[in-house]
Amino acid sequence: MEKMNQALEKMKMLVGMDVEDEETAPQQESSFVFMDDLNRNCTLSTKQRLYGFAICLTTGITCTLLSMLVFFNPIKFGITFSLGNLLALGSTAFLIGPKRQVTMMLDPVRIYATAIYIASIIIALFCALYVRNKLLTLLSIVLEFGALIWYSLSYVPFARSMVSKVVMACFDTEY
């Protein structure tokens, strides 16, 4: 019965419903004070959330696709591709709220994927805007794209282990 309750709570969390746990509620209040204030100030209706999500996601995908037009100029490519990724990542905060977004991103299952993904976006923007080196910008975009895939796979159960096994099988040299 306990496992059923846990599964039900996880399903509620995945669809954006609040699940209050009596034991962890006081601890969460002290650690997420800023995020609680942000959530209280960012109350949107369901229609507004869907509009915000759609606009942000569409803009992010458009930036990512438009970056392909300037592919041979790695600096412009790095800026538009990274901006598109940031907008697409931020779009889900409209659906589930900024607090839950950050909580899910910092979940122990995906903390490393999140850190590498955000660091790769920062590195790509740094290389494009400050260093202005085409080779470094292109390499950082490749890192960003790989981190995006790995981060996205962290939301699909068993996807990362399956991809790891497939890649290992492809590079296996034993016959």
Protein backbone atom coordinates (compact mmCIF):
# COMPACT_ATOMS: atom_id res chain seq x y z
CA MET A 1 0.00 0.00 0.00
CA GLU A 2 2.90 2.33 0.81
CA LYS A 3 4.38 1.80 -2.67
CA MET A 4 1.03 2.66 -4.26
CA ASN A 5 0.89 5.91 -2.28
CA GLN A 6 4.44 6.78 -3.34
CA ALA A 7 3.63 6.01 -6.98
CA LEU A 8 0.50 8.16 -6.78
CA GLU A 9 2.49 11.04 -5.26
CA LYS A 10 5.10 10.77 -8.02
CA MET A 11 2.40 10.84 -10.69
CA LYS A 12 0.87 13.93 -9.07
CA MET A 13 4.28 15.60 -9.09
CA LEU A 14 4.84 14.77 -12.77
CA VAL A 15 1.59 16.42 -13.83
CA GLY A 16 2.25 19.50 -11.72
CA MET A 17 0.01 18.91 -8.72
CA ASP A 18 1.28 19.88 -5.28
CA VAL A 19 1.99 17.02 -2.92
CA GLU A 20 2.41 18.06 0.70
CA ASP A 21 4.46 15.81 2.91
CA GLU A 22 4.06 16.66 6.61
CA GLU A 23 7.58 15.64 7.56
CA THR A 24 9.49 17.47 4.81
CA ALA A 25 7.35 20.60 4.55
CA PRO A 26 9.17 22.57 7.31
CA GLN A 27 12.57 21.66 5.85
CA GLN A 28 11.59 22.73 2.36
CA GLU A 29 10.29 26.08 3.58
CA SER A 30 13.67 27.06 4.99
CA SER A 31 15.68 25.88 1.99
CA PHE A 32 13.43 27.26 -0.77
CA VAL A 33 12.30 30.59 0.68
CA PHE A 34 13.26 32.49 -2.48
CA MET A 35 11.57 29.92 -4.71
CA ASP A 36 8.42 29.97 -2.55
CA ASP A 37 8.24 33.76 -2.88
CA LEU A 38 8.78 33.47 -6.62
CA ASN A 39 6.01 30.86 -6.91
CA ARG A 40 3.59 33.03 -4.90
CA ASN A 41 4.30 36.02 -7.12
CA CYS A 42 4.06 34.00 -10.35
CA THR A 43 0.53 32.74 -10.07
CA LEU A 44 -0.89 32.27 -13.53
CA SER A 45 -4.09 30.75 -14.78
CA THR A 46 -3.94 27.53 -16.74
CA LYS A 47 -4.58 29.42 -19.97
CA GLN A 48 -1.78 31.89 -19.21
CA ARG A 49 0.59 29.02 -18.38
CA LEU A 50 -0.18 27.29 -21.67
CA TYR A 51 0.28 30.53 -23.63
CA GLY A 52 3.58 31.22 -21.85
CA PHE A 53 4.77 27.68 -22.49
CA ALA A 54 3.76 27.76 -26.15
CA ILE A 55 5.31 31.18 -26.80
CA CYS A 56 8.56 30.37 -24.99
CA LEU A 57 8.90 26.92 -26.57
CA THR A 58 8.05 28.20 -30.06
CA THR A 59 10.54 31.03 -29.70
CA GLY A 60 13.20 28.61 -28.45
CA ILE A 61 12.66 26.15 -31.27
CA THR A 62 12.62 29.02 -33.79
CA CYS A 63 15.94 30.34 -32.45
CA THR A 64 17.43 26.86 -32.58
CA LEU A 65 16.23 26.33 -36.17
CA LEU A 66 17.34 29.81 -37.25
CA SER A 67 20.77 29.07 -35.86
CA MET A 68 21.14 26.53 -38.67
CA LEU A 69 21.00 29.39 -41.16
CA VAL A 70 24.14 30.92 -39.67
CA PHE A 71 25.91 27.61 -39.12
CA PHE A 72 29.02 28.71 -40.97
CA ASN A 73 29.40 31.70 -38.65
CA PRO A 74 30.01 29.83 -35.37
CA ILE A 75 29.74 32.94 -33.20
CA LYS A 76 26.21 33.81 -34.37
CA PHE A 77 25.37 30.12 -34.39
CA GLY A 78 26.51 29.72 -30.77
CA ILE A 79 24.48 32.69 -29.59
CA THR A 80 21.22 31.74 -31.32
CA PHE A 81 21.53 28.03 -30.51
CA SER A 82 22.23 28.71 -26.82
CA LEU A 83 19.44 31.28 -26.61
CA GLY A 84 17.05 28.76 -28.15
CA ASN A 85 18.08 26.13 -25.62
CA LEU A 86 17.60 28.55 -22.71
CA LEU A 87 14.14 29.53 -23.95
CA ALA A 88 13.09 25.92 -24.49
CA LEU A 89 14.39 24.98 -21.04
CA GLY A 90 12.57 27.91 -19.46
CA SER A 91 9.32 27.09 -21.21
CA THR A 92 8.67 24.11 -18.95
CA ALA A 93 8.73 26.44 -15.93
CA PHE A 94 5.43 27.85 -17.20
CA LEU A 95 3.83 24.41 -17.02
CA ILE A 96 5.13 23.14 -13.71
CA GLY A 97 6.27 26.33 -12.00
CA PRO A 98 9.76 27.64 -11.36
CA LYS A 99 10.15 25.94 -7.98
CA ARG A 100 9.25 22.50 -9.28
CA GLN A 101 11.41 23.09 -12.37
CA VAL A 102 14.47 23.83 -10.23
CA THR A 103 13.64 20.96 -7.87
CA MET A 104 13.38 18.52 -10.76
CA MET A 105 16.58 19.83 -12.33
CA LEU A 106 18.42 19.37 -9.03
CA ASP A 107 17.03 15.88 -8.47
CA PRO A 108 19.90 13.47 -7.63
CA VAL A 109 19.12 11.47 -10.77
CA ARG A 110 19.82 14.41 -13.08
CA ILE A 111 21.97 16.83 -11.05
CA TYR A 112 25.11 16.06 -13.07
CA ALA A 113 23.30 16.21 -16.40
CA THR A 114 21.79 19.56 -15.39
CA ALA A 115 25.15 20.96 -14.27
CA ILE A 116 26.89 19.87 -17.47
CA TYR A 117 24.04 21.19 -19.63
CA ILE A 118 23.94 24.63 -17.98
CA ALA A 119 27.75 24.82 -17.90
CA SER A 120 27.91 23.96 -21.60
CA ILE A 121 25.43 26.75 -22.41
CA ILE A 122 27.53 29.21 -20.39
CA ILE A 123 30.75 28.00 -22.05
CA ALA A 124 29.20 28.31 -25.53
CA LEU A 125 28.01 31.83 -24.85
CA PHE A 126 31.38 32.75 -23.32
CA CYS A 127 33.26 31.41 -26.35
CA ALA A 128 30.90 33.16 -28.77
CA LEU A 129 30.60 36.53 -27.04
CA TYR A 130 33.90 37.03 -25.23
CA VAL A 131 36.56 34.79 -26.77
CA ARG A 132 35.15 35.03 -30.32
CA ASN A 133 37.03 31.92 -31.39
CA LYS A 134 35.15 29.95 -34.04
CA LEU A 135 36.73 26.58 -33.22
CA LEU A 136 36.11 26.88 -29.48
CA THR A 137 32.55 28.05 -30.11
CA LEU A 138 31.89 25.09 -32.41
CA LEU A 139 33.37 22.63 -29.90
CA SER A 140 31.31 24.12 -27.09
CA ILE A 141 28.16 23.83 -29.22
CA VAL A 142 28.93 20.15 -29.80
CA LEU A 143 29.31 19.76 -26.03
CA GLU A 144 26.07 21.67 -25.49
CA PHE A 145 24.18 19.48 -27.96
CA GLY A 146 25.47 16.30 -26.30
CA ALA A 147 24.60 17.67 -22.86
CA LEU A 148 21.11 18.58 -24.12
CA ILE A 149 20.53 15.03 -25.30
CA TRP A 150 21.86 13.52 -22.06
CA TYR A 151 19.79 15.95 -19.94
CA SER A 152 16.64 15.19 -21.96
CA LEU A 153 17.20 11.46 -21.61
CA SER A 154 17.27 11.87 -17.81
CA TYR A 155 13.50 12.45 -17.90
CA VAL A 156 12.79 9.18 -19.73
CA PRO A 157 12.99 6.10 -17.48
CA PHE A 158 15.92 3.81 -18.38
CA ALA A 159 16.76 5.87 -21.48
CA ARG A 160 20.27 6.81 -20.40
CA SER A 161 21.20 3.24 -19.51
CA MET A 162 19.80 2.00 -22.83
CA VAL A 163 21.70 4.64 -24.82
CA SER A 164 24.87 3.84 -22.86
CA LYS A 165 24.54 0.15 -23.69
CA VAL A 166 23.92 0.86 -27.38
CA VAL A 167 26.94 3.17 -27.59
CA MET A 168 29.12 0.64 -25.78
CA ALA A 169 27.94 -2.08 -28.16
CA CYS A 170 28.77 0.13 -31.16
CA PHE A 171 32.29 0.77 -29.93
CA ASP A 172 32.92 -2.78 -28.69
CA THR A 173 36.01 -4.09 -30.49
CA GLU A 174 35.79 -7.69 -29.32
CA TYR A 175 34.41 -10.18 -31.83
